[in-house]
């Protein structure tokens, strides 16, 4: 959150961003909502947002600014705010609905906003659906945006965003040809030192599928690049702290844990531990 706080605020809550101003130093409250706030059952998003709002207000003694980051399809007819009217008591709670599918491309590709690039990949994934060719083209587009147009960004930022995009836009079926084409393009986009350290999410996808089918497809990229899984991990060890920091920041900005696990290369227990205060 500390690293990407202003990016997230500028993108998701521009009015609050303008009111706060970047000269203001955020005060970080090292607390989390009571576990019960997340264990009240399912229900529609507006109902859950109202629960979170009440829990946060009770814990901190201040009315929070609510932001619902929507990166998937919601049930048809679901409301965009909470409304309850019973026995003469009426409650209306309106919050910011940050629906990725409705965000303009120009907004998500503006300036240097890192959070916006992850959400742009999420939007492309929703738009592509199950069309594998469209997913492949979208993946190449994001890769060029990250590794060519944003060369000044740190390797940790580019790695995390790129891996998040690969997870969101990963092939749904057995499309090794498209995967190989993507990897070839990706290598052309990267600087020499980045090629040595980067580990694609798609390597994991195909390795896991190969194991499930009793095959060794997971070695495809290793053979192509003359590397092994162990050497890859060894080269990435020096970047471990950077991946932890990037994962922590994206979790704080509302990126679902499953996406963070896939895009960061960290195991589930490590990612879940980052969600604790």
Foldseek 3Di string as FASTA:
>chain_A
DVVQVLLLCCQQPVVVSVVQDPVHDDDDDQDDFPPVLVVPDDDAPQVSQVSRQVRVCVVPVDGDADEDAALDDGDPPGDQWDWDDDDHDIDTGHHGYNYLLPDDPCSLLDDDRLVSLLSNLSNQLRVCPQVLVSLLVSLLVSLLSLLPVPVVDDLLSSQLSSQLSCVSSPHPDPCVVSVVVSVVSNVVSHDPVSVLAHDHLVLVVQCVVQVVVVHRRSCVVCVVVVHDPVSNVVSNPVCLVSLLVVLLVVVVSPDDLVSSCSRSVDDSVSSVVSPHD
